[in-house]
Structure formats: structure tokens, C-alpha cells
Amino acid sequence: MSDTMIIPFNKSYPVTRDHFNSLIWLFKASAPEKDDRRQLARSFKVEDGICYATDGHRLHVYNQNTTDELPAAQHIPDGVYKIVSATKSQIIISAKDDTFFPDHNCVLRYRPVKCFDGSAIYSSDARYGGGFSSFLRVVYQLGAYMIDYLTDAFIPDQQVWFEKSGPGELCALIIGNDRQIAMVMPLKEN
């Protein structure tokens, strides 16, 4: 792979469209350019085909290996990347010389705690009564979270499950499915 990769939006091919939209969703968790955590600014990591982005308060994970139909030219190889540009029409990324990225595996090794008795499945598909407002009603039963992070973690038109990373109030909320996972830390009481 060259140092720079361009991923165009292609609405007529569902596999590449979903890949593009999943990357845009992933990038929402990357630290902004103006952030104090400069090493994390606008970057993400790919390991074994799984993409990770974090700003230290949340983590988004996207598994690009869930389909064999993704063209090889759009499959992002393992490495640490800088997000050069992400618009509605194309994504431009480049390999970073500095390969620092936090140990995401330490937060993903959690003992899940089911949030509800019974099914923790929630459909965000509006055809089934879902949508962002009903998503928030479910989430706020579980604790206090920054609204911007929940907005970014919302996965439209898909079924997701909810878990907490442990039994305490300060444990992360995990929202996801087989392809995408968002982990959001709760607000701390002062």
C-alpha cells in the first residue's frame, strides 16, 4: 500500500457504501486536531482487519472483515493511520510514521453485565419504533453520559445490544452489534 489511501463513497454498491459509512462513524471517536492528546489527534488503528478509534473518553470499533465482498482496494491494511479528510464523497487516510496508539485491548477485556433483565437488543430502525429519541430513553436508564458521545455512538437502522463493562456506576456503556461497537465512559459526579 502507498502512504495515502482514498476511499470514495459509492451509493450504488451496498458493501462499499456500508464500509464508507462505518468508517465515518468510526472517525467520530477520534480525538480532534485541537486536542491536547496530539498523538491521538485524527488517527485510528487497524489490527487484524478491525479498526479502532478513541479520544480517551470513548472507543469506536469497526470490523471490516464481516463481508468477503469488500474490494481489496478498500480494505484497510493493519497499521496506524491519520485521517487526512473525511467528507460525504470521499475519505483520505495516510499511514502514520508514529505508530503510537493506546492499548485498546485493556478496555475491551471486560466482564459484561447485562443492562436489563431479558433482551438487551434494541432496534434503531425507525420502521420498528426506533430512532434516536427512543435510543436515548434506553441509555439514560443506565447512567449519565455525554450527549455528544451518545449521538456519535448511535448506529442508525441496525439492531444493537447494550451492556455495561462492570457492575459499578462508573463502568463504560457498550453499544454494538457484530460489526460495530461503541464504548462510552459515564460522566463523573463532582
Foldseek 3Di string as FASTA:
>chain_A
DAQKAKQWADPVDVLSNVVLVLVVLQQLAFADCPDPVNVRHQKWFADPQKIWHHPVFKIKIFRSPPDPPPDPSSRDDGAMWHFPDRDPTMTMIGGDPDRDDDPPVVLVPFDWDAPDPPFQKDFLEVVVVHHDVVVVVVVVVLAAFDPSLSVSQDDHGGIWGWTFRDDDRQTWIWIGDPGMIMTGTHDDDD
